[in-house]
Structures are given as C-alpha cells and as structure tokens.
C-alpha cells in the first residue's frame, strides 16, 4: 500500500514538473513564468488527483471486494479489509493531491484578482 501511495505521489509530481518546465512558460517574464507554471502545474495535479479519487472511490462504492470467491471466511474477510483500506487511503490521497493543486493555483488567481480591481 505504501508503494502504491508513493507511486501516486511520484506520478503527480512528475506531471506537475513537466508542466512547470514546459517550453511555453520559459519564454515569458520571470514572475509571470513562475505564476503560469504554478497555474498549469496546479491544473495537472488537480486533474490527476480527481482522477485518482474518482477511480478508487468508485471501487469503494461498488463493494466488489466483499464478494470474493474464496471459501475460507477468514481469508476472504482479510483480503476484503485490505482492499477496502487501500481504496480509502488512495482516494484520500487523491483528494489531498487535488487540494495541493488548488493551492498551486492561488498565486495566479490572486494576481488576476488584483489586476481586475486595479482597472
């Protein structure tokens, strides 16, 4: 489970870094580049986080793991508990990732809001 959570975190960071280091954001001014890079990184991280949340939360809602075709009741209950725990953990990680992505977007939105008030 720790490995799956680590892979989700690494994938989210890789997507964010790829967007942050994209050639489009390098051609603009330094501050604008930073804000735009954070904005697009935030969009990518929010998209990945919501995708992860939707996939694993739908697994929780379906409850398919309660009906595993194993005759030994203790083993069946143990496996279903492990699957449920893993799905809950990964769906929470997806929501946390989406929250971090929204926090990455705040500097751009703040600058945009200040610019709209100045007009």
PDB file of N, CA and C in Angstrom:
ATOM      1  N   UNK A   1       0.820  -1.171   0.000  1.00  0.00           N
ATOM      2  CA  UNK A   1       0.000   0.000   0.000  1.00  0.00           C
ATOM      3  C   UNK A   1       0.877   1.253   0.000  1.00  0.00           C
ATOM      4  N   UNK A   2       1.933   1.219   0.759  1.00  0.00           N
ATOM      5  CA  UNK A   2       2.844   2.352   0.789  1.00  0.00           C
ATOM      6  C   UNK A   2       3.469   2.571  -0.574  1.00  0.00           C
ATOM      7  N   UNK A   3       3.745   1.488  -1.261  1.00  0.00           N
ATOM      8  CA  UNK A   3       4.309   1.575  -2.599  1.00  0.00           C
ATOM      9  C   UNK A   3       3.319   2.217  -3.561  1.00  0.00           C
ATOM     10  N   UNK A   4       2.041   1.847  -3.469  1.00  0.00           N
ATOM     11  CA  UNK A   4       1.020   2.432  -4.346  1.00  0.00           C
ATOM     12  C   UNK A   4       0.863   3.924  -4.071  1.00  0.00           C
ATOM     13  N   UNK A   5       0.854   4.308  -2.800  1.00  0.00           N
ATOM     14  CA  UNK A   5       0.764   5.728  -2.458  1.00  0.00           C
ATOM     15  C   UNK A   5       1.974   6.499  -2.939  1.00  0.00           C
ATOM     16  N   UNK A   6       3.146   5.886  -2.827  1.00  0.00           N
ATOM     17  CA  UNK A   6       4.360   6.532  -3.312  1.00  0.00           C
ATOM     18  C   UNK A   6       4.343   6.713  -4.821  1.00  0.00           C
ATOM     19  N   UNK A   7       3.835   5.696  -5.540  1.00  0.00           N
ATOM     20  CA  UNK A   7       3.747   5.806  -6.994  1.00  0.00           C
ATOM     21  C   UNK A   7       2.777   6.908  -7.408  1.00  0.00           C
ATOM     22  N   UNK A   8       1.668   7.041  -6.678  1.00  0.00           N
ATOM     23  CA  UNK A   8       0.704   8.104  -6.971  1.00  0.00           C
ATOM     24  C   UNK A   8       1.359   9.458  -6.757  1.00  0.00           C
ATOM     25  N   UNK A   9       2.074   9.626  -5.660  1.00  0.00           N
ATOM     26  CA  UNK A   9       2.750  10.893  -5.386  1.00  0.00           C
ATOM     27  C   UNK A   9       3.815  11.212  -6.415  1.00  0.00           C
ATOM     28  N   UNK A  10       4.595  10.220  -6.799  1.00  0.00           N
ATOM     29  CA  UNK A  10       5.651  10.436  -7.786  1.00  0.00           C
ATOM     30  C   UNK A  10       5.045  10.800  -9.146  1.00  0.00           C
ATOM     31  N   UNK A  11       3.969  10.111  -9.535  1.00  0.00           N
ATOM     32  CA  UNK A  11       3.322  10.421 -10.813  1.00  0.00           C
ATOM     33  C   UNK A  11       2.761  11.837 -10.809  1.00  0.00           C
ATOM     34  N   UNK A  12       2.174  12.247  -9.696  1.00  0.00           N
ATOM     35  CA  UNK A  12       1.626  13.600  -9.594  1.00  0.00           C
ATOM     36  C   UNK A  12       2.740  14.634  -9.688  1.00  0.00           C
ATOM     37  N   UNK A  13       3.853  14.406  -9.010  1.00  0.00           N
ATOM     38  CA  UNK A  13       4.971  15.345  -9.077  1.00  0.00           C
ATOM     39  C   UNK A  13       5.597  15.405 -10.462  1.00  0.00           C
ATOM     40  N   UNK A  14       5.687  14.278 -11.137  1.00  0.00           N
ATOM     41  CA  UNK A  14       6.268  14.262 -12.478  1.00  0.00           C
ATOM     42  C   UNK A  14       5.407  15.070 -13.440  1.00  0.00           C
ATOM     43  N   UNK A  15       4.075  14.887 -13.356  1.00  0.00           N
ATOM     44  CA  UNK A  15       3.182  15.659 -14.232  1.00  0.00           C
ATOM     45  C   UNK A  15       3.312  17.147 -13.942  1.00  0.00           C
ATOM     46  N   UNK A  16       3.352  17.512 -12.665  1.00  0.00           N
ATOM     47  CA  UNK A  16       3.488  18.919 -12.302  1.00  0.00           C
ATOM     48  C   UNK A  16       4.802  19.516 -12.779  1.00  0.00           C
ATOM     49  N   UNK A  17       5.887  18.781 -12.632  1.00  0.00           N
ATOM     50  CA  UNK A  17       7.187  19.288 -13.065  1.00  0.00           C
ATOM     51  C   UNK A  17       7.274  19.408 -14.578  1.00  0.00           C
ATOM     52  N   UNK A  18       6.662  18.484 -15.298  1.00  0.00           N
ATOM     53  CA  UNK A  18       6.679  18.574 -16.754  1.00  0.00           C
ATOM     54  C   UNK A  18       5.942  19.813 -17.232  1.00  0.00           C
ATOM     55  N   UNK A  19       4.829  20.117 -16.596  1.00  0.00           N
ATOM     56  CA  UNK A  19       4.097  21.315 -16.987  1.00  0.00           C
ATOM     57  C   UNK A  19       4.858  22.564 -16.573  1.00  0.00           C
ATOM     58  N   UNK A  20       5.459  22.541 -15.386  1.00  0.00           N
ATOM     59  CA  UNK A  20       6.209  23.700 -14.896  1.00  0.00           C
ATOM     60  C   UNK A  20       7.414  24.005 -15.781  1.00  0.00           C
ATOM     61  N   UNK A  21       8.059  22.980 -16.289  1.00  0.00           N
ATOM     62  CA  UNK A  21       9.257  23.166 -17.103  1.00  0.00           C
ATOM     63  C   UNK A  21       8.978  23.167 -18.605  1.00  0.00           C
ATOM     64  N   UNK A  22       7.731  23.348 -18.976  1.00  0.00           N
ATOM     65  CA  UNK A  22       7.382  23.332 -20.395  1.00  0.00           C
ATOM     66  C   UNK A  22       8.013  24.526 -21.110  1.00  0.00           C
ATOM     67  N   UNK A  23       8.326  24.397 -22.382  1.00  0.00           N
ATOM     68  CA  UNK A  23       8.980  25.490 -23.105  1.00  0.00           C
ATOM     69  C   UNK A  23       8.126  26.756 -23.192  1.00  0.00           C
ATOM     70  N   UNK A  24       6.831  26.612 -23.191  1.00  0.00           N
ATOM     71  CA  UNK A  24       5.958  27.779 -23.294  1.00  0.00           C
ATOM     72  C   UNK A  24       6.159  28.719 -22.107  1.00  0.00           C
ATOM     73  N   UNK A  25       6.294  28.163 -20.918  1.00  0.00           N
ATOM     74  CA  UNK A  25       6.414  29.015 -19.743  1.00  0.00           C
ATOM     75  C   UNK A  25       7.809  29.625 -19.616  1.00  0.00           C
ATOM     76  N   UNK A  26       8.810  29.107 -20.329  1.00  0.00           N
ATOM     77  CA  UNK A  26      10.159  29.659 -20.248  1.00  0.00           C
ATOM     78  C   UNK A  26      10.303  30.964 -21.020  1.00  0.00           C
ATOM     79  N   UNK A  27       9.469  31.204 -22.033  1.00  0.00           N
ATOM     80  CA  UNK A  27       9.607  32.382 -22.881  1.00  0.00           C
ATOM     81  C   UNK A  27       9.023  33.642 -22.263  1.00  0.00           C
ATOM     82  N   UNK A  28       8.279  33.536 -21.208  1.00  0.00           N
ATOM     83  CA  UNK A  28       7.605  34.698 -20.638  1.00  0.00           C
ATOM     84  C   UNK A  28       8.448  35.316 -19.538  1.00  0.00           C
ATOM     85  N   UNK A  29       7.961  36.440 -19.013  1.00  0.00           N
ATOM     86  CA  UNK A  29       8.693  37.134 -17.958  1.00  0.00           C
ATOM     87  C   UNK A  29       8.848  36.228 -16.749  1.00  0.00           C
ATOM     88  N   UNK A  30       9.824  36.586 -15.894  1.00  0.00           N
ATOM     89  CA  UNK A  30      10.178  35.691 -14.794  1.00  0.00           C
ATOM     90  C   UNK A  30       9.023  35.490 -13.809  1.00  0.00           C
ATOM     91  N   UNK A  31       8.412  36.566 -13.338  1.00  0.00           N
ATOM     92  CA  UNK A  31       7.320  36.416 -12.372  1.00  0.00           C
ATOM     93  C   UNK A  31       6.110  35.768 -13.016  1.00  0.00           C
ATOM     94  N   UNK A  32       5.808  36.224 -14.213  1.00  0.00           N
ATOM     95  CA  UNK A  32       4.668  35.648 -14.914  1.00  0.00           C
ATOM     96  C   UNK A  32       4.924  34.169 -15.211  1.00  0.00           C
ATOM     97  N   UNK A  33       6.182  33.874 -15.531  1.00  0.00           N
ATOM     98  CA  UNK A  33       6.556  32.481 -15.793  1.00  0.00           C
ATOM     99  C   UNK A  33       6.309  31.627 -14.554  1.00  0.00           C
ATOM    100  N   UNK A  34       6.696  32.147 -13.417  1.00  0.00           N
ATOM    101  CA  UNK A  34       6.516  31.412 -12.168  1.00  0.00           C
ATOM    102  C   UNK A  34       5.034  31.182 -11.887  1.00  0.00           C
ATOM    103  N   UNK A  35       4.227  32.247 -12.018  1.00  0.00           N
ATOM    104  CA  UNK A  35       2.792  32.117 -11.743  1.00  0.00           C
ATOM    105  C   UNK A  35       2.099  31.199 -12.746  1.00  0.00           C
ATOM    106  N   UNK A  36       2.446  31.343 -14.019  1.00  0.00           N
ATOM    107  CA  UNK A  36       1.842  30.493 -15.046  1.00  0.00           C
ATOM    108  C   UNK A  36       2.262  29.038 -14.841  1.00  0.00           C
ATOM    109  N   UNK A  37       3.529  28.832 -14.501  1.00  0.00           N
ATOM    110  CA  UNK A  37       3.993  27.467 -14.244  1.00  0.00           C
ATOM    111  C   UNK A  37       3.264  26.831 -13.083  1.00  0.00           C
ATOM    112  N   UNK A  38       3.071  27.605 -12.014  1.00  0.00           N
ATOM    113  CA  UNK A  38       2.312  27.078 -10.881  1.00  0.00           C
ATOM    114  C   UNK A  38       0.859  26.817 -11.258  1.00  0.00           C
ATOM    115  N   UNK A  39       0.288  27.704 -12.086  1.00  0.00           N
ATOM    116  CA  UNK A  39      -1.098  27.526 -12.503  1.00  0.00           C
ATOM    117  C   UNK A  39      -1.273  26.223 -13.275  1.00  0.00           C
ATOM    118  N   UNK A  40      -0.435  26.017 -14.289  1.00  0.00           N
ATOM    119  CA  UNK A  40      -0.573  24.802 -15.089  1.00  0.00           C
ATOM    120  C   UNK A  40      -0.183  23.551 -14.302  1.00  0.00           C
ATOM    121  N   UNK A  41       0.774  23.680 -13.408  1.00  0.00           N
ATOM    122  CA  UNK A  41       1.092  22.551 -12.533  1.00  0.00           C
ATOM    123  C   UNK A  41      -0.099  22.238 -11.645  1.00  0.00           C
ATOM    124  N   UNK A  42      -0.725  23.278 -11.135  1.00  0.00           N
ATOM    125  CA  UNK A  42      -1.917  23.084 -10.313  1.00  0.00           C
ATOM    126  C   UNK A  42      -3.027  22.401 -11.080  1.00  0.00           C
ATOM    127  N   UNK A  43      -3.253  22.831 -12.334  1.00  0.00           N
ATOM    128  CA  UNK A  43      -4.279  22.179 -13.155  1.00  0.00           C
ATOM    129  C   UNK A  43      -3.967  20.692 -13.348  1.00  0.00           C
ATOM    130  N   UNK A  44      -2.700  20.393 -13.623  1.00  0.00           N
ATOM    131  CA  UNK A  44      -2.321  18.995 -13.818  1.00  0.00           C
ATOM    132  C   UNK A  44      -2.483  18.173 -12.554  1.00  0.00           C
ATOM    133  N   UNK A  45      -2.074  18.735 -11.426  1.00  0.00           N
ATOM    134  CA  UNK A  45      -2.166  17.996 -10.168  1.00  0.00           C
ATOM    135  C   UNK A  45      -3.622  17.816  -9.755  1.00  0.00           C
ATOM    136  N   UNK A  46      -4.455  18.826  -9.981  1.00  0.00           N
ATOM    137  CA  UNK A  46      -5.884  18.696  -9.670  1.00  0.00           C
ATOM    138  C   UNK A  46      -6.511  17.612 -10.548  1.00  0.00           C
ATOM    139  N   UNK A  47      -6.169  17.603 -11.835  1.00  0.00           N
ATOM    140  CA  UNK A  47      -6.731  16.600 -12.739  1.00  0.00           C
ATOM    141  C   UNK A  47      -6.328  15.189 -12.319  1.00  0.00           C
ATOM    142  N   UNK A  48      -5.054  15.005 -12.004  1.00  0.00           N
ATOM    143  CA  UNK A  48      -4.582  13.680 -11.567  1.00  0.00           C
ATOM    144  C   UNK A  48      -5.225  13.288 -10.246  1.00  0.00           C
ATOM    145  N   UNK A  49      -5.306  14.234  -9.305  1.00  0.00           N
ATOM    146  CA  UNK A  49      -5.901  13.938  -8.003  1.00  0.00           C
ATOM    147  C   UNK A  49      -7.366  13.567  -8.101  1.00  0.00           C
ATOM    148  N   UNK A  50      -8.121  14.307  -8.922  1.00  0.00           N
ATOM    149  CA  UNK A  50      -9.538  13.979  -9.076  1.00  0.00           C
ATOM    150  C   UNK A  50      -9.733  12.651  -9.796  1.00  0.00           C
ATOM    151  N   UNK A  51      -8.862  12.364 -10.775  1.00  0.00           N
ATOM    152  CA  UNK A  51      -8.946  11.075 -11.457  1.00  0.00           C
ATOM    153  C   UNK A  51      -8.694   9.925 -10.487  1.00  0.00           C
ATOM    154  N   UNK A  52      -7.657  10.050  -9.674  1.00  0.00           N
ATOM    155  CA  UNK A  52      -7.350   9.017  -8.682  1.00  0.00           C
ATOM    156  C   UNK A  52      -8.505   8.861  -7.697  1.00  0.00           C
ATOM    157  N   UNK A  53      -9.046   9.989  -7.242  1.00  0.00           N
ATOM    158  CA  UNK A  53     -10.163   9.930  -6.301  1.00  0.00           C
ATOM    159  C   UNK A  53     -11.371   9.239  -6.924  1.00  0.00           C
ATOM    160  N   UNK A  54     -11.718   9.588  -8.145  1.00  0.00           N
ATOM    161  CA  UNK A  54     -12.896   9.002  -8.784  1.00  0.00           C
ATOM    162  C   UNK A  54     -12.728   7.500  -8.981  1.00  0.00           C
ATOM    163  N   UNK A  55     -11.557   7.080  -9.422  1.00  0.00           N
ATOM    164  CA  UNK A  55     -11.329   5.649  -9.665  1.00  0.00           C
ATOM    165  C   UNK A  55     -11.433   4.848  -8.372  1.00  0.00           C
ATOM    166  N   UNK A  56     -10.746   5.275  -7.328  1.00  0.00           N
ATOM    167  CA  UNK A  56     -10.731   4.478  -6.110  1.00  0.00           C
ATOM    168  C   UNK A  56     -11.995   4.653  -5.273  1.00  0.00           C
ATOM    169  N   UNK A  57     -12.640   5.814  -5.352  1.00  0.00           N
ATOM    170  CA  UNK A  57     -13.899   5.982  -4.631  1.00  0.00           C
ATOM    171  C   UNK A  57     -15.001   5.158  -5.281  1.00  0.00           C
ATOM    172  N   UNK A  58     -14.961   5.029  -6.604  1.00  0.00           N
ATOM    173  CA  UNK A  58     -15.948   4.162  -7.260  1.00  0.00           C
ATOM    174  C   UNK A  58     -15.703   2.700  -6.884  1.00  0.00           C
ATOM    175  N   UNK A  59     -14.449   2.342  -6.641  1.00  0.00           N
ATOM    176  CA  UNK A  59     -14.159   0.994  -6.146  1.00  0.00           C
ATOM    177  C   UNK A  59     -14.734   0.769  -4.762  1.00  0.00           C
ATOM    178  N   UNK A  60     -14.683   1.794  -3.908  1.00  0.00           N
ATOM    179  CA  UNK A  60     -15.285   1.687  -2.576  1.00  0.00           C
ATOM    180  C   UNK A  60     -16.795   1.559  -2.692  1.00  0.00           C
ATOM    181  N   UNK A  61     -17.396   2.375  -3.548  1.00  0.00           N
ATOM    182  CA  UNK A  61     -18.846   2.369  -3.684  1.00  0.00           C
ATOM    183  C   UNK A  61     -19.368   1.067  -4.280  1.00  0.00           C
ATOM    184  N   UNK A  62     -18.615   0.460  -5.185  1.00  0.00           N
ATOM    185  CA  UNK A  62     -19.097  -0.781  -5.796  1.00  0.00           C
ATOM    186  C   UNK A  62     -19.082  -1.936  -4.800  1.00  0.00           C
ATOM    187  N   UNK A  63     -18.104  -1.969  -3.920  1.00  0.00           N
ATOM    188  CA  UNK A  63     -18.030  -3.021  -2.907  1.00  0.00           C
ATOM    189  C   UNK A  63     -17.799  -4.409  -3.479  1.00  0.00           C
ATOM    190  N   UNK A  64     -17.174  -4.490  -4.652  1.00  0.00           N
ATOM    191  CA  UNK A  64     -16.941  -5.788  -5.280  1.00  0.00           C
ATOM    192  C   UNK A  64     -16.068  -6.701  -4.434  1.00  0.00           C
ATOM    193  N   UNK A  65     -15.251  -6.132  -3.597  1.00  0.00           N
ATOM    194  CA  UNK A  65     -14.295  -6.909  -2.811  1.00  0.00           C
ATOM    195  C   UNK A  65     -14.968  -7.660  -1.662  1.00  0.00           C
ATOM    196  N   UNK A  66     -16.222  -7.397  -1.380  1.00  0.00           N
ATOM    197  CA  UNK A  66     -16.937  -8.147  -0.336  1.00  0.00           C
ATOM    198  C   UNK A  66     -17.398  -9.521  -0.833  1.00  0.00           C
ATOM    199  N   UNK A  67     -17.396  -9.720  -2.134  1.00  0.00           N
ATOM    200  CA  UNK A  67     -17.917 -10.956  -2.721  1.00  0.00           C
ATOM    201  C   UNK A  67     -16.831 -11.705  -3.474  1.00  0.00           C
ATOM    202  N   UNK A  68     -15.701 -11.923  -2.830  1.00  0.00           N
ATOM    203  CA  UNK A  68     -14.594 -12.650  -3.427  1.00  0.00           C
ATOM    204  C   UNK A  68     -14.892 -14.142  -3.316  1.00  0.00           C
ATOM    205  N   UNK A  69     -14.588 -14.887  -4.369  1.00  0.00           N
ATOM    206  CA  UNK A  69     -14.885 -16.323  -4.410  1.00  0.00           C
ATOM    207  C   UNK A  69     -13.781 -17.119  -3.707  1.00  0.00           C
ATOM    208  N   UNK A  70     -13.678 -16.951  -2.390  1.00  0.00           N
ATOM    209  CA  UNK A  70     -12.733 -17.698  -1.571  1.00  0.00           C
ATOM    210  C   UNK A  70     -13.545 -18.390  -0.489  1.00  0.00           C
ATOM    211  N   UNK A  71     -13.299 -19.682  -0.283  1.00  0.00           N
ATOM    212  CA  UNK A  71     -14.103 -20.460   0.657  1.00  0.00           C
ATOM    213  C   UNK A  71     -13.740 -20.208   2.118  1.00  0.00           C
ATOM    214  N   UNK A  72     -12.495 -19.892   2.397  1.00  0.00           N
ATOM    215  CA  UNK A  72     -12.059 -19.670   3.768  1.00  0.00           C
ATOM    216  C   UNK A  72     -12.515 -18.263   4.192  1.00  0.00           C
ATOM    217  N   UNK A  73     -13.406 -18.225   5.182  1.00  0.00           N
ATOM    218  CA  UNK A  73     -14.039 -16.954   5.547  1.00  0.00           C
ATOM    219  C   UNK A  73     -13.032 -15.946   6.107  1.00  0.00           C
ATOM    220  N   UNK A  74     -12.077 -16.424   6.916  1.00  0.00           N
ATOM    221  CA  UNK A  74     -11.101 -15.503   7.495  1.00  0.00           C
ATOM    222  C   UNK A  74     -10.242 -14.866   6.408  1.00  0.00           C
ATOM    223  N   UNK A  75      -9.819 -15.666   5.447  1.00  0.00           N
ATOM    224  CA  UNK A  75      -9.004 -15.152   4.350  1.00  0.00           C
ATOM    225  C   UNK A  75      -9.811 -14.172   3.497  1.00  0.00           C
ATOM    226  N   UNK A  76     -11.064 -14.507   3.220  1.00  0.00           N
ATOM    227  CA  UNK A  76     -11.927 -13.629   2.427  1.00  0.00           C
ATOM    228  C   UNK A  76     -12.120 -12.275   3.126  1.00  0.00           C
ATOM    229  N   UNK A  77     -12.366 -12.297   4.432  1.00  0.00           N
ATOM    230  CA  UNK A  77     -12.559 -11.052   5.182  1.00  0.00           C
ATOM    231  C   UNK A  77     -11.274 -10.236   5.259  1.00  0.00           C
ATOM    232  N   UNK A  78     -10.147 -10.921   5.414  1.00  0.00           N
ATOM    233  CA  UNK A  78      -8.863 -10.220   5.473  1.00  0.00           C
ATOM    234  C   UNK A  78      -8.542  -9.528   4.156  1.00  0.00           C
ATOM    235  N   UNK A  79      -8.749 -10.228   3.068  1.00  0.00           N
ATOM    236  CA  UNK A  79      -8.475  -9.648   1.752  1.00  0.00           C
ATOM    237  C   UNK A  79      -9.421  -8.484   1.470  1.00  0.00           C
ATOM    238  N   UNK A  80     -10.697  -8.640   1.804  1.00  0.00           N
ATOM    239  CA  UNK A  80     -11.638  -7.542   1.550  1.00  0.00           C
ATOM    240  C   UNK A  80     -11.316  -6.327   2.424  1.00  0.00           C
ATOM    241  N   UNK A  81     -10.855  -6.555   3.655  1.00  0.00           N
ATOM    242  CA  UNK A  81     -10.464  -5.444   4.515  1.00  0.00           C
ATOM    243  C   UNK A  81      -9.246  -4.719   3.942  1.00  0.00           C
ATOM    244  N   UNK A  82      -8.255  -5.477   3.461  1.00  0.00           N
ATOM    245  CA  UNK A  82      -7.059  -4.863   2.874  1.00  0.00           C
ATOM    246  C   UNK A  82      -7.396  -4.039   1.632  1.00  0.00           C
ATOM    247  N   UNK A  83      -8.277  -4.587   0.790  1.00  0.00           N
ATOM    248  CA  UNK A  83      -8.670  -3.848  -0.416  1.00  0.00           C
ATOM    249  C   UNK A  83      -9.428  -2.585  -0.038  1.00  0.00           C
ATOM    250  N   UNK A  84     -10.351  -2.680   0.915  1.00  0.00           N
ATOM    251  CA  UNK A  84     -11.124  -1.508   1.338  1.00  0.00           C
ATOM    252  C   UNK A  84     -10.212  -0.443   1.935  1.00  0.00           C
ATOM    253  N   UNK A  85      -9.279  -0.851   2.762  1.00  0.00           N
ATOM    254  CA  UNK A  85      -8.351   0.091   3.387  1.00  0.00           C
ATOM    255  C   UNK A  85      -7.475   0.779   2.338  1.00  0.00           C
ATOM    256  N   UNK A  86      -6.998   0.006   1.366  1.00  0.00           N
ATOM    257  CA  UNK A  86      -6.168   0.565   0.309  1.00  0.00           C
ATOM    258  C   UNK A  86      -6.950   1.552  -0.533  1.00  0.00           C
ATOM    259  N   UNK A  87      -8.192   1.206  -0.888  1.00  0.00           N
ATOM    260  CA  UNK A  87      -9.020   2.121  -1.681  1.00  0.00           C
ATOM    261  C   UNK A  87      -9.311   3.405  -0.921  1.00  0.00           C
ATOM    262  N   UNK A  88      -9.589   3.301   0.380  1.00  0.00           N
ATOM    263  CA  UNK A  88      -9.856   4.505   1.168  1.00  0.00           C
ATOM    264  C   UNK A  88      -8.615   5.394   1.233  1.00  0.00           C
ATOM    265  N   UNK A  89      -7.472   4.779   1.454  1.00  0.00           N
ATOM    266  CA  UNK A  89      -6.232   5.549   1.540  1.00  0.00           C
ATOM    267  C   UNK A  89      -5.914   6.244   0.221  1.00  0.00           C
ATOM    268  N   UNK A  90      -6.054   5.531  -0.883  1.00  0.00           N
ATOM    269  CA  UNK A  90      -5.734   6.126  -2.176  1.00  0.00           C
ATOM    270  C   UNK A  90      -6.747   7.188  -2.578  1.00  0.00           C
ATOM    271  N   UNK A  91      -8.017   7.035  -2.192  1.00  0.00           N
ATOM    272  CA  UNK A  91      -8.978   8.091  -2.507  1.00  0.00           C
ATOM    273  C   UNK A  91      -8.705   9.340  -1.673  1.00  0.00           C
ATOM    274  N   UNK A  92      -8.269   9.174  -0.432  1.00  0.00           N
ATOM    275  CA  UNK A  92      -7.888  10.330   0.389  1.00  0.00           C
ATOM    276  C   UNK A  92      -6.648  11.001  -0.197  1.00  0.00           C
ATOM    277  N   UNK A  93      -5.690  10.222  -0.678  1.00  0.00           N
ATOM    278  CA  UNK A  93      -4.509  10.802  -1.322  1.00  0.00           C
ATOM    279  C   UNK A  93      -4.883  11.573  -2.582  1.00  0.00           C
ATOM    280  N   UNK A  94      -5.877  11.085  -3.312  1.00  0.00           N
ATOM    281  CA  UNK A  94      -6.347  11.810  -4.493  1.00  0.00           C
ATOM    282  C   UNK A  94      -6.942  13.157  -4.129  1.00  0.00           C
ATOM    283  N   UNK A  95      -7.734  13.199  -3.046  1.00  0.00           N
ATOM    284  CA  UNK A  95      -8.308  14.471  -2.600  1.00  0.00           C
ATOM    285  C   UNK A  95      -7.231  15.426  -2.095  1.00  0.00           C
ATOM    286  N   UNK A  96      -6.248  14.895  -1.378  1.00  0.00           N
ATOM    287  CA  UNK A  96      -5.146  15.737  -0.915  1.00  0.00           C
ATOM    288  C   UNK A  96      -4.353  16.302  -2.095  1.00  0.00           C
ATOM    289  N   UNK A  97      -4.158  15.491  -3.099  1.00  0.00           N
ATOM    290  CA  UNK A  97      -3.455  15.947  -4.295  1.00  0.00           C
ATOM    291  C   UNK A  97      -4.236  17.065  -4.986  1.00  0.00           C
ATOM    292  N   UNK A  98      -5.549  16.917  -5.078  1.00  0.00           N
ATOM    293  CA  UNK A  98      -6.367  17.974  -5.674  1.00  0.00           C
ATOM    294  C   UNK A  98      -6.273  19.254  -4.844  1.00  0.00           C
ATOM    295  N   UNK A  99      -6.261  19.130  -3.531  1.00  0.00           N
ATOM    296  CA  UNK A  99      -6.119  20.308  -2.672  1.00  0.00           C
ATOM    297  C   UNK A  99      -4.782  21.004  -2.855  1.00  0.00           C
ATOM    298  N   UNK A 100      -3.716  20.236  -2.998  1.00  0.00           N
ATOM    299  CA  UNK A 100      -2.393  20.815  -3.246  1.00  0.00           C
ATOM    300  C   UNK A 100      -2.375  21.517  -4.602  1.00  0.00           C
ATOM    301  N   UNK A 101      -3.023  20.925  -5.590  1.00  0.00           N
ATOM    302  CA  UNK A 101      -3.115  21.562  -6.904  1.00  0.00           C
ATOM    303  C   UNK A 101      -3.846  22.891  -6.843  1.00  0.00           C
ATOM    304  N   UNK A 102      -4.928  22.956  -6.065  1.00  0.00           N
ATOM    305  CA  UNK A 102      -5.644  24.222  -5.914  1.00  0.00           C
ATOM    306  C   UNK A 102      -4.765  25.271  -5.226  1.00  0.00           C
ATOM    307  N   UNK A 103      -3.949  24.836  -4.273  1.00  0.00           N
ATOM    308  CA  UNK A 103      -3.052  25.788  -3.616  1.00  0.00           C
ATOM    309  C   UNK A 103      -1.988  26.303  -4.583  1.00  0.00           C
ATOM    310  N   UNK A 104      -1.579  25.500  -5.557  1.00  0.00           N
ATOM    311  CA  UNK A 104      -0.632  25.955  -6.569  1.00  0.00           C
ATOM    312  C   UNK A 104      -1.243  27.032  -7.461  1.00  0.00           C
ATOM    313  N   UNK A 105      -2.554  27.023  -7.615  1.00  0.00           N
ATOM    314  CA  UNK A 105      -3.219  27.988  -8.485  1.00  0.00           C
ATOM    315  C   UNK A 105      -3.471  29.331  -7.804  1.00  0.00           C
ATOM    316  N   UNK A 106      -3.375  29.396  -6.502  1.00  0.00           N
ATOM    317  CA  UNK A 106      -3.719  30.615  -5.758  1.00  0.00           C
ATOM    318  C   UNK A 106      -2.882  31.831  -6.171  1.00  0.00           C
ATOM    319  N   UNK A 107      -1.549  31.751  -6.358  1.00  0.00           N
ATOM    320  CA  UNK A 107      -0.800  32.959  -6.737  1.00  0.00           C
ATOM    321  C   UNK A 107      -1.286  33.594  -8.039  1.00  0.00           C
ATOM    322  N   UNK A 108      -1.604  32.783  -9.032  1.00  0.00           N
ATOM    323  CA  UNK A 108      -2.101  33.328 -10.300  1.00  0.00           C
ATOM    324  C   UNK A 108      -3.469  33.972 -10.108  1.00  0.00           C
ATOM    325  N   UNK A 109      -4.351  33.297  -9.405  1.00  0.00           N
ATOM    326  CA  UNK A 109      -5.686  33.855  -9.178  1.00  0.00           C
ATOM    327  C   UNK A 109      -5.603  35.149  -8.373  1.00  0.00           C
ATOM    328  N   UNK A 110      -4.683  35.217  -7.406  1.00  0.00           N
ATOM    329  CA  UNK A 110      -4.519  36.422  -6.601  1.00  0.00           C
ATOM    330  C   UNK A 110      -4.048  37.584  -7.471  1.00  0.00           C
ATOM    331  N   UNK A 111      -3.074  37.333  -8.341  1.00  0.00           N
ATOM    332  CA  UNK A 111      -2.585  38.385  -9.237  1.00  0.00           C
ATOM    333  C   UNK A 111      -3.675  38.823 -10.211  1.00  0.00           C
ATOM    334  N   UNK A 112      -4.442  37.882 -10.721  1.00  0.00           N
ATOM    335  CA  UNK A 112      -5.531  38.205 -11.632  1.00  0.00           C
ATOM    336  C   UNK A 112      -6.605  39.027 -10.934  1.00  0.00           C
ATOM    337  N   UNK A 113      -6.916  38.700  -9.695  1.00  0.00           N
ATOM    338  CA  UNK A 113      -7.912  39.431  -8.922  1.00  0.00           C
ATOM    339  C   UNK A 113      -7.433  40.856  -8.646  1.00  0.00           C
ATOM    340  N   UNK A 114      -6.153  41.010  -8.305  1.00  0.00           N
ATOM    341  CA  UNK A 114      -5.613  42.353  -8.052  1.00  0.00           C
ATOM    342  C   UNK A 114      -5.629  43.188  -9.339  1.00  0.00           C
ATOM    343  N   UNK A 115      -5.350  42.571 -10.473  1.00  0.00           N
ATOM    344  CA  UNK A 115      -5.362  43.286 -11.733  1.00  0.00           C
ATOM    345  C   UNK A 115      -6.786  43.728 -12.099  1.00  0.00           C
ATOM    346  N   UNK A 116      -7.774  42.902 -11.819  1.00  0.00           N
ATOM    347  CA  UNK A 116      -9.160  43.271 -12.105  1.00  0.00           C
ATOM    348  C   UNK A 116      -9.635  44.409 -11.183  1.00  0.00           C
ATOM    349  N   UNK A 117      -9.169  44.428  -9.946  1.00  0.00           N
ATOM    350  CA  UNK A 117      -9.558  45.505  -9.039  1.00  0.00           C
ATOM    351  C   UNK A 117      -8.876  46.825  -9.394  1.00  0.00           C
ATOM    352  N   UNK A 118      -7.699  46.774 -10.006  1.00  0.00           N
ATOM    353  CA  UNK A 118      -6.963  47.982 -10.333  1.00  0.00           C
ATOM    354  C   UNK A 118      -7.599  48.722 -11.515  1.00  0.00           C
ATOM    355  N   UNK A 119      -8.368  48.067 -12.319  1.00  0.00           N
ATOM    356  CA  UNK A 119      -8.987  48.701 -13.501  1.00  0.00           C
ATOM    357  C   UNK A 119     -10.176  49.507 -13.155  1.00  0.00           C
TER     358      UNK A 119
END
